[in-house]
């Protein structure tokens, strides 16, 4: 199962002038086997939602709850949220000089499973996951995200998902900075994940182009820290044609 339930979520973010409320009562349920897309203008709270669910220390849940298969995530440290089945694909993946992708992936897999992956099969799994994202075999020996192109970073995120096997993924603008070829590869990876049993996807995006390849069950429009309207894929088409102004204010 992979059901993410967000109820009456209020979140403050730390700023230079003190806490500022960004999320103002978000209600959202991503059911098992579903793909949901969140769209909205800049500053509407989309990334805040992702970071607060994942446990970023600058984002503070002041009211409401976030559960994954009945487990309250807000009470857990970041690593325990990952062990509960959550994965956050970041808009700007962090560089980690001196740590190879191979070591990072093996360490992460060991931490999640409580045991090291099998020596006989793990290298083959890594190679296959990278190849599926059109990444060369020597990619695993490079430092995490150091010197990677935008496309390599995002394709690397999808390869991580394949290897770490979470139940629910939140993708924060995974399509940003991608050319059309990289977008198709990333979208294929997201679709492949969503088609596995017991998985769910929350996809945050500014643009409809990724939704031509990743087909959402529901589309939510974020405005001023809450969900202004929810619909099917036709809602994304409406946004493409008329923009967000129809929902602002």
C-alpha atoms as a PDB file:
ATOM      1  CA  UNK A   1       0.000   0.000   0.000  1.00  0.00           C
ATOM      2  CA  UNK A   2       1.047   3.583  -0.599  1.00  0.00           C
ATOM      3  CA  UNK A   3      -1.584   6.070   0.546  1.00  0.00           C
ATOM      4  CA  UNK A   4      -0.464   9.593   1.430  1.00  0.00           C
ATOM      5  CA  UNK A   5      -3.041  11.567   3.440  1.00  0.00           C
ATOM      6  CA  UNK A   6      -2.571  15.276   4.163  1.00  0.00           C
ATOM      7  CA  UNK A   7      -5.126  16.881   6.486  1.00  0.00           C
ATOM      8  CA  UNK A   8      -5.474  20.589   7.330  1.00  0.00           C
ATOM      9  CA  UNK A   9      -1.733  21.126   6.926  1.00  0.00           C
ATOM     10  CA  UNK A  10      -0.347  24.469   8.066  1.00  0.00           C
ATOM     11  CA  UNK A  11       3.372  25.128   7.658  1.00  0.00           C
ATOM     12  CA  UNK A  12       5.670  28.009   8.656  1.00  0.00           C
ATOM     13  CA  UNK A  13       9.044  28.579   7.032  1.00  0.00           C
ATOM     14  CA  UNK A  14      11.996  30.231   8.741  1.00  0.00           C
ATOM     15  CA  UNK A  15      12.913  33.607   7.214  1.00  0.00           C
ATOM     16  CA  UNK A  16      15.335  36.384   8.169  1.00  0.00           C
ATOM     17  CA  UNK A  17      12.458  38.257   9.774  1.00  0.00           C
ATOM     18  CA  UNK A  18      10.993  35.241  11.573  1.00  0.00           C
ATOM     19  CA  UNK A  19       8.505  32.469  10.802  1.00  0.00           C
ATOM     20  CA  UNK A  20       6.185  33.007   7.835  1.00  0.00           C
ATOM     21  CA  UNK A  21       3.090  30.914   7.196  1.00  0.00           C
ATOM     22  CA  UNK A  22       3.158  29.402   3.704  1.00  0.00           C
ATOM     23  CA  UNK A  23       0.708  26.500   3.816  1.00  0.00           C
ATOM     24  CA  UNK A  24      -2.710  27.502   5.105  1.00  0.00           C
ATOM     25  CA  UNK A  25      -4.744  24.340   5.413  1.00  0.00           C
ATOM     26  CA  UNK A  26      -3.898  21.770   2.749  1.00  0.00           C
ATOM     27  CA  UNK A  27      -6.149  18.736   2.352  1.00  0.00           C
ATOM     28  CA  UNK A  28      -4.976  16.140  -0.138  1.00  0.00           C
ATOM     29  CA  UNK A  29      -5.058  12.358  -0.466  1.00  0.00           C
ATOM     30  CA  UNK A  30      -2.917  10.436  -2.953  1.00  0.00           C
ATOM     31  CA  UNK A  31      -4.350   6.947  -3.037  1.00  0.00           C
ATOM     32  CA  UNK A  32      -2.504   3.710  -3.594  1.00  0.00           C
ATOM     33  CA  UNK A  33      -1.714   3.336  -7.296  1.00  0.00           C
ATOM     34  CA  UNK A  34      -2.472   6.985  -8.089  1.00  0.00           C
ATOM     35  CA  UNK A  35      -0.507   9.778  -9.729  1.00  0.00           C
ATOM     36  CA  UNK A  36      -1.391  13.316  -8.659  1.00  0.00           C
ATOM     37  CA  UNK A  37       0.015  16.505 -10.159  1.00  0.00           C
ATOM     38  CA  UNK A  38       0.291  19.812  -8.313  1.00  0.00           C
ATOM     39  CA  UNK A  39       0.488  22.990 -10.371  1.00  0.00           C
ATOM     40  CA  UNK A  40       0.381  26.650  -9.406  1.00  0.00           C
ATOM     41  CA  UNK A  41       2.095  30.022  -9.692  1.00  0.00           C
ATOM     42  CA  UNK A  42       5.454  30.785  -8.100  1.00  0.00           C
ATOM     43  CA  UNK A  43       5.258  31.214  -4.338  1.00  0.00           C
ATOM     44  CA  UNK A  44       2.005  29.314  -3.953  1.00  0.00           C
ATOM     45  CA  UNK A  45       3.500  26.699  -1.612  1.00  0.00           C
ATOM     46  CA  UNK A  46       4.186  23.728  -3.877  1.00  0.00           C
ATOM     47  CA  UNK A  47       7.809  23.177  -2.842  1.00  0.00           C
ATOM     48  CA  UNK A  48       6.969  24.007   0.769  1.00  0.00           C
ATOM     49  CA  UNK A  49       4.549  21.094   0.743  1.00  0.00           C
ATOM     50  CA  UNK A  50       7.257  18.742  -0.537  1.00  0.00           C
ATOM     51  CA  UNK A  51       9.926  19.889   1.913  1.00  0.00           C
ATOM     52  CA  UNK A  52       7.638  19.870   4.944  1.00  0.00           C
ATOM     53  CA  UNK A  53       6.489  16.312   4.202  1.00  0.00           C
ATOM     54  CA  UNK A  54      10.102  15.194   3.814  1.00  0.00           C
ATOM     55  CA  UNK A  55      11.182  16.894   7.068  1.00  0.00           C
ATOM     56  CA  UNK A  56      13.341  19.852   5.986  1.00  0.00           C
ATOM     57  CA  UNK A  57      14.409  21.649   9.215  1.00  0.00           C
ATOM     58  CA  UNK A  58      13.422  25.121   7.936  1.00  0.00           C
ATOM     59  CA  UNK A  59       9.807  24.065   7.472  1.00  0.00           C
ATOM     60  CA  UNK A  60       7.651  23.638  10.567  1.00  0.00           C
ATOM     61  CA  UNK A  61       4.257  21.923  10.648  1.00  0.00           C
ATOM     62  CA  UNK A  62       2.156  24.000  13.036  1.00  0.00           C
ATOM     63  CA  UNK A  63      -1.179  22.269  12.485  1.00  0.00           C
ATOM     64  CA  UNK A  64      -2.584  19.212  10.748  1.00  0.00           C
ATOM     65  CA  UNK A  65      -1.139  15.833   9.876  1.00  0.00           C
ATOM     66  CA  UNK A  66       0.669  13.895   7.149  1.00  0.00           C
ATOM     67  CA  UNK A  67       0.343  10.120   7.162  1.00  0.00           C
ATOM     68  CA  UNK A  68       1.751   7.453   4.869  1.00  0.00           C
ATOM     69  CA  UNK A  69      -0.160   4.200   5.183  1.00  0.00           C
ATOM     70  CA  UNK A  70      -1.359   5.341   8.594  1.00  0.00           C
ATOM     71  CA  UNK A  71       2.104   6.321   9.885  1.00  0.00           C
ATOM     72  CA  UNK A  72       2.285   9.935  11.085  1.00  0.00           C
ATOM     73  CA  UNK A  73       5.325  11.347   9.279  1.00  0.00           C
ATOM     74  CA  UNK A  74       5.512  14.690  11.061  1.00  0.00           C
ATOM     75  CA  UNK A  75       6.642  12.974  14.270  1.00  0.00           C
ATOM     76  CA  UNK A  76       9.523  11.150  12.550  1.00  0.00           C
ATOM     77  CA  UNK A  77      13.095  12.278  11.749  1.00  0.00           C
ATOM     78  CA  UNK A  78      14.013  12.460   8.067  1.00  0.00           C
ATOM     79  CA  UNK A  79      15.644   9.014   7.871  1.00  0.00           C
ATOM     80  CA  UNK A  80      12.609   7.353   9.463  1.00  0.00           C
ATOM     81  CA  UNK A  81      10.342   9.009   6.904  1.00  0.00           C
ATOM     82  CA  UNK A  82      12.470   7.429   4.193  1.00  0.00           C
ATOM     83  CA  UNK A  83      12.232   4.044   5.917  1.00  0.00           C
ATOM     84  CA  UNK A  84       8.456   4.484   6.037  1.00  0.00           C
ATOM     85  CA  UNK A  85       8.537   4.546   2.221  1.00  0.00           C
ATOM     86  CA  UNK A  86       8.894   8.232   1.289  1.00  0.00           C
ATOM     87  CA  UNK A  87      11.254   9.583  -1.381  1.00  0.00           C
ATOM     88  CA  UNK A  88      11.707  13.242  -2.355  1.00  0.00           C
ATOM     89  CA  UNK A  89      13.153  14.040  -5.763  1.00  0.00           C
ATOM     90  CA  UNK A  90      14.488  17.583  -5.381  1.00  0.00           C
ATOM     91  CA  UNK A  91      14.337  20.393  -7.906  1.00  0.00           C
ATOM     92  CA  UNK A  92      18.009  21.141  -7.230  1.00  0.00           C
ATOM     93  CA  UNK A  93      19.773  17.902  -6.176  1.00  0.00           C
ATOM     94  CA  UNK A  94      22.680  18.581  -3.824  1.00  0.00           C
ATOM     95  CA  UNK A  95      26.295  17.966  -4.835  1.00  0.00           C
ATOM     96  CA  UNK A  96      28.290  15.677  -2.520  1.00  0.00           C
ATOM     97  CA  UNK A  97      31.971  15.894  -3.537  1.00  0.00           C
ATOM     98  CA  UNK A  98      34.107  12.880  -2.663  1.00  0.00           C
ATOM     99  CA  UNK A  99      31.193  10.446  -2.314  1.00  0.00           C
ATOM    100  CA  UNK A 100      30.652   8.247  -5.341  1.00  0.00           C
ATOM    101  CA  UNK A 101      27.170   7.406  -6.569  1.00  0.00           C
ATOM    102  CA  UNK A 102      28.007   3.731  -6.044  1.00  0.00           C
ATOM    103  CA  UNK A 103      28.894   4.234  -2.370  1.00  0.00           C
ATOM    104  CA  UNK A 104      25.955   6.554  -1.808  1.00  0.00           C
ATOM    105  CA  UNK A 105      23.450   4.126  -3.308  1.00  0.00           C
ATOM    106  CA  UNK A 106      24.820   1.121  -1.432  1.00  0.00           C
ATOM    107  CA  UNK A 107      24.853   3.039   1.882  1.00  0.00           C
ATOM    108  CA  UNK A 108      21.313   4.323   1.347  1.00  0.00           C
ATOM    109  CA  UNK A 109      20.013   0.874   0.400  1.00  0.00           C
ATOM    110  CA  UNK A 110      21.652  -0.671   3.469  1.00  0.00           C
ATOM    111  CA  UNK A 111      20.131   1.984   5.752  1.00  0.00           C
ATOM    112  CA  UNK A 112      16.647   1.480   4.308  1.00  0.00           C
ATOM    113  CA  UNK A 113      16.668  -2.322   4.323  1.00  0.00           C
ATOM    114  CA  UNK A 114      18.648  -2.836   7.503  1.00  0.00           C
ATOM    115  CA  UNK A 115      21.120  -5.036   5.630  1.00  0.00           C
ATOM    116  CA  UNK A 116      23.590  -4.600   2.796  1.00  0.00           C
ATOM    117  CA  UNK A 117      22.440  -5.494  -0.738  1.00  0.00           C
ATOM    118  CA  UNK A 118      23.747  -8.779  -2.095  1.00  0.00           C
ATOM    119  CA  UNK A 119      27.205  -8.493  -3.623  1.00  0.00           C
ATOM    120  CA  UNK A 120      26.297 -10.909  -6.408  1.00  0.00           C
ATOM    121  CA  UNK A 121      23.260  -9.017  -7.676  1.00  0.00           C
ATOM    122  CA  UNK A 122      23.638  -5.372  -6.585  1.00  0.00           C
ATOM    123  CA  UNK A 123      26.199  -4.225  -9.210  1.00  0.00           C
ATOM    124  CA  UNK A 124      23.971  -5.613 -11.959  1.00  0.00           C
ATOM    125  CA  UNK A 125      20.917  -3.846 -10.500  1.00  0.00           C
ATOM    126  CA  UNK A 126      22.817  -0.538 -10.401  1.00  0.00           C
ATOM    127  CA  UNK A 127      24.039  -0.968 -13.965  1.00  0.00           C
ATOM    128  CA  UNK A 128      20.527  -1.758 -15.219  1.00  0.00           C
ATOM    129  CA  UNK A 129      18.948   1.178 -13.357  1.00  0.00           C
ATOM    130  CA  UNK A 130      21.511   3.595 -14.795  1.00  0.00           C
ATOM    131  CA  UNK A 131      21.185   2.172 -18.309  1.00  0.00           C
ATOM    132  CA  UNK A 132      17.406   2.615 -18.167  1.00  0.00           C
ATOM    133  CA  UNK A 133      18.054   6.324 -17.622  1.00  0.00           C
ATOM    134  CA  UNK A 134      20.613   6.503 -20.465  1.00  0.00           C
ATOM    135  CA  UNK A 135      23.484   6.934 -17.998  1.00  0.00           C
ATOM    136  CA  UNK A 136      26.904   5.436 -18.727  1.00  0.00           C
ATOM    137  CA  UNK A 137      28.350   2.668 -16.581  1.00  0.00           C
ATOM    138  CA  UNK A 138      31.073   4.964 -15.194  1.00  0.00           C
ATOM    139  CA  UNK A 139      28.353   7.292 -13.857  1.00  0.00           C
ATOM    140  CA  UNK A 140      28.347   5.247 -10.639  1.00  0.00           C
ATOM    141  CA  UNK A 141      31.982   6.153  -9.971  1.00  0.00           C
ATOM    142  CA  UNK A 142      31.408   9.906 -10.175  1.00  0.00           C
ATOM    143  CA  UNK A 143      30.796  12.015  -7.060  1.00  0.00           C
ATOM    144  CA  UNK A 144      27.114  12.521  -6.296  1.00  0.00           C
ATOM    145  CA  UNK A 145      25.777  15.265  -8.610  1.00  0.00           C
ATOM    146  CA  UNK A 146      29.211  16.943  -8.852  1.00  0.00           C
ATOM    147  CA  UNK A 147      29.644  18.313 -12.345  1.00  0.00           C
ATOM    148  CA  UNK A 148      26.440  16.651 -13.514  1.00  0.00           C
ATOM    149  CA  UNK A 149      24.319  18.313 -16.163  1.00  0.00           C
ATOM    150  CA  UNK A 150      20.725  19.125 -15.283  1.00  0.00           C
ATOM    151  CA  UNK A 151      19.573  16.093 -17.210  1.00  0.00           C
ATOM    152  CA  UNK A 152      22.067  13.798 -15.484  1.00  0.00           C
ATOM    153  CA  UNK A 153      20.942  14.996 -12.053  1.00  0.00           C
ATOM    154  CA  UNK A 154      17.269  14.351 -12.767  1.00  0.00           C
ATOM    155  CA  UNK A 155      17.888  11.011 -14.477  1.00  0.00           C
ATOM    156  CA  UNK A 156      20.057  10.069 -11.507  1.00  0.00           C
ATOM    157  CA  UNK A 157      17.135  10.812  -9.181  1.00  0.00           C
ATOM    158  CA  UNK A 158      14.919   8.390 -11.103  1.00  0.00           C
ATOM    159  CA  UNK A 159      17.650   5.735 -11.020  1.00  0.00           C
ATOM    160  CA  UNK A 160      17.762   6.145  -7.231  1.00  0.00           C
ATOM    161  CA  UNK A 161      14.012   5.549  -7.065  1.00  0.00           C
ATOM    162  CA  UNK A 162      14.376   2.306  -9.014  1.00  0.00           C
ATOM    163  CA  UNK A 163      17.114   1.044  -6.687  1.00  0.00           C
ATOM    164  CA  UNK A 164      15.818   2.277  -3.322  1.00  0.00           C
ATOM    165  CA  UNK A 165      12.243   1.176  -4.090  1.00  0.00           C
ATOM    166  CA  UNK A 166      10.146   3.601  -1.985  1.00  0.00           C
ATOM    167  CA  UNK A 167       6.375   3.315  -1.885  1.00  0.00           C
ATOM    168  CA  UNK A 168       5.558   7.008  -2.386  1.00  0.00           C
ATOM    169  CA  UNK A 169       7.583   9.542  -4.339  1.00  0.00           C
ATOM    170  CA  UNK A 170       7.274  13.319  -4.330  1.00  0.00           C
ATOM    171  CA  UNK A 171       8.932  14.898  -7.356  1.00  0.00           C
ATOM    172  CA  UNK A 172       9.569  18.623  -7.043  1.00  0.00           C
ATOM    173  CA  UNK A 173       9.821  19.966 -10.597  1.00  0.00           C
ATOM    174  CA  UNK A 174      11.668  16.903 -11.866  1.00  0.00           C
ATOM    175  CA  UNK A 175      11.089  18.299 -15.371  1.00  0.00           C
ATOM    176  CA  UNK A 176      12.905  21.609 -14.848  1.00  0.00           C
ATOM    177  CA  UNK A 177      16.065  22.045 -16.905  1.00  0.00           C
ATOM    178  CA  UNK A 178      15.381  19.044 -19.134  1.00  0.00           C
ATOM    179  CA  UNK A 179      15.510  18.985 -22.906  1.00  0.00           C
ATOM    180  CA  UNK A 180      12.858  16.980 -24.721  1.00  0.00           C
ATOM    181  CA  UNK A 181      14.937  13.782 -24.891  1.00  0.00           C
ATOM    182  CA  UNK A 182      15.781  13.822 -21.184  1.00  0.00           C
ATOM    183  CA  UNK A 183      12.162  14.651 -20.362  1.00  0.00           C
ATOM    184  CA  UNK A 184      10.986  11.545 -22.222  1.00  0.00           C
ATOM    185  CA  UNK A 185      13.515   9.342 -20.393  1.00  0.00           C
ATOM    186  CA  UNK A 186      12.597  10.736 -16.969  1.00  0.00           C
ATOM    187  CA  UNK A 187       8.875  10.478 -17.722  1.00  0.00           C
ATOM    188  CA  UNK A 188       9.289   6.862 -18.798  1.00  0.00           C
ATOM    189  CA  UNK A 189      10.959   6.127 -15.455  1.00  0.00           C
ATOM    190  CA  UNK A 190       8.181   7.822 -13.483  1.00  0.00           C
ATOM    191  CA  UNK A 191       5.509   5.953 -15.443  1.00  0.00           C
ATOM    192  CA  UNK A 192       7.311   2.637 -14.887  1.00  0.00           C
ATOM    193  CA  UNK A 193       7.399   3.304 -11.135  1.00  0.00           C
ATOM    194  CA  UNK A 194       3.735   4.310 -10.983  1.00  0.00           C
ATOM    195  CA  UNK A 195       2.690   1.118 -12.768  1.00  0.00           C
ATOM    196  CA  UNK A 196       4.195  -1.100 -10.057  1.00  0.00           C
ATOM    197  CA  UNK A 197       1.774  -2.373  -7.386  1.00  0.00           C
ATOM    198  CA  UNK A 198       1.703  -0.484  -4.081  1.00  0.00           C
ATOM    199  CA  UNK A 199       3.122   2.807  -5.386  1.00  0.00           C
ATOM    200  CA  UNK A 200       1.922   6.406  -5.503  1.00  0.00           C
ATOM    201  CA  UNK A 201       3.276   9.610  -7.043  1.00  0.00           C
ATOM    202  CA  UNK A 202       2.910  13.298  -6.175  1.00  0.00           C
ATOM    203  CA  UNK A 203       4.307  15.313  -9.075  1.00  0.00           C
ATOM    204  CA  UNK A 204       4.935  19.055  -8.653  1.00  0.00           C
ATOM    205  CA  UNK A 205       5.353  20.991 -11.884  1.00  0.00           C
ATOM    206  CA  UNK A 206       4.933  24.416 -13.464  1.00  0.00           C
ATOM    207  CA  UNK A 207       4.304  23.126 -16.937  1.00  0.00           C
ATOM    208  CA  UNK A 208       1.991  20.703 -18.693  1.00  0.00           C
ATOM    209  CA  UNK A 209       4.641  19.188 -20.968  1.00  0.00           C
ATOM    210  CA  UNK A 210       5.578  16.376 -18.555  1.00  0.00           C
ATOM    211  CA  UNK A 211       1.878  15.538 -18.230  1.00  0.00           C
ATOM    212  CA  UNK A 212       1.904  14.520 -21.883  1.00  0.00           C
ATOM    213  CA  UNK A 213       4.038  11.552 -20.825  1.00  0.00           C
ATOM    214  CA  UNK A 214       3.106  11.021 -17.160  1.00  0.00           C
ATOM    215  CA  UNK A 215      -0.665  10.769 -16.978  1.00  0.00           C
ATOM    216  CA  UNK A 216      -2.137  12.019 -13.682  1.00  0.00           C
ATOM    217  CA  UNK A 217      -5.289  10.703 -12.088  1.00  0.00           C
ATOM    218  CA  UNK A 218      -5.879  14.114 -10.541  1.00  0.00           C
ATOM    219  CA  UNK A 219      -4.519  17.642 -10.978  1.00  0.00           C
ATOM    220  CA  UNK A 220      -4.528  20.141  -8.093  1.00  0.00           C
ATOM    221  CA  UNK A 221      -4.032  23.883  -8.466  1.00  0.00           C
ATOM    222  CA  UNK A 222      -2.196  25.507  -5.571  1.00  0.00           C
ATOM    223  CA  UNK A 223      -2.898  29.167  -4.799  1.00  0.00           C
ATOM    224  CA  UNK A 224      -1.781  31.058  -1.688  1.00  0.00           C
ATOM    225  CA  UNK A 225      -0.896  27.986   0.347  1.00  0.00           C
ATOM    226  CA  UNK A 226      -3.901  25.794  -0.277  1.00  0.00           C
ATOM    227  CA  UNK A 227      -5.604  23.710  -2.974  1.00  0.00           C
ATOM    228  CA  UNK A 228      -7.830  26.067  -4.947  1.00  0.00           C
ATOM    229  CA  UNK A 229      -9.314  23.512  -7.327  1.00  0.00           C
ATOM    230  CA  UNK A 230      -8.961  19.823  -8.199  1.00  0.00           C
ATOM    231  CA  UNK A 231      -9.788  18.111 -11.461  1.00  0.00           C
ATOM    232  CA  UNK A 232      -8.660  15.563 -14.018  1.00  0.00           C
ATOM    233  CA  UNK A 233      -6.080  15.924 -16.749  1.00  0.00           C
ATOM    234  CA  UNK A 234      -8.400  18.359 -18.528  1.00  0.00           C
ATOM    235  CA  UNK A 235      -7.623  20.873 -15.764  1.00  0.00           C
ATOM    236  CA  UNK A 236      -3.988  20.957 -16.893  1.00  0.00           C
ATOM    237  CA  UNK A 237      -5.168  21.677 -20.438  1.00  0.00           C
ATOM    238  CA  UNK A 238      -7.281  24.533 -19.103  1.00  0.00           C
ATOM    239  CA  UNK A 239      -4.253  25.980 -17.290  1.00  0.00           C
ATOM    240  CA  UNK A 240      -2.207  25.755 -20.483  1.00  0.00           C
ATOM    241  CA  UNK A 241      -4.831  27.795 -22.280  1.00  0.00           C
ATOM    242  CA  UNK A 242      -5.953  30.304 -19.631  1.00  0.00           C
ATOM    243  CA  UNK A 243      -3.200  30.367 -16.992  1.00  0.00           C
ATOM    244  CA  UNK A 244      -3.514  30.715 -13.217  1.00  0.00           C
ATOM    245  CA  UNK A 245      -5.149  34.128 -13.084  1.00  0.00           C
ATOM    246  CA  UNK A 246      -8.605  32.572 -13.125  1.00  0.00           C
ATOM    247  CA  UNK A 247      -7.907  31.056  -9.688  1.00  0.00           C
ATOM    248  CA  UNK A 248      -5.827  33.794  -8.064  1.00  0.00           C
ATOM    249  CA  UNK A 249      -7.899  35.792  -5.570  1.00  0.00           C
END
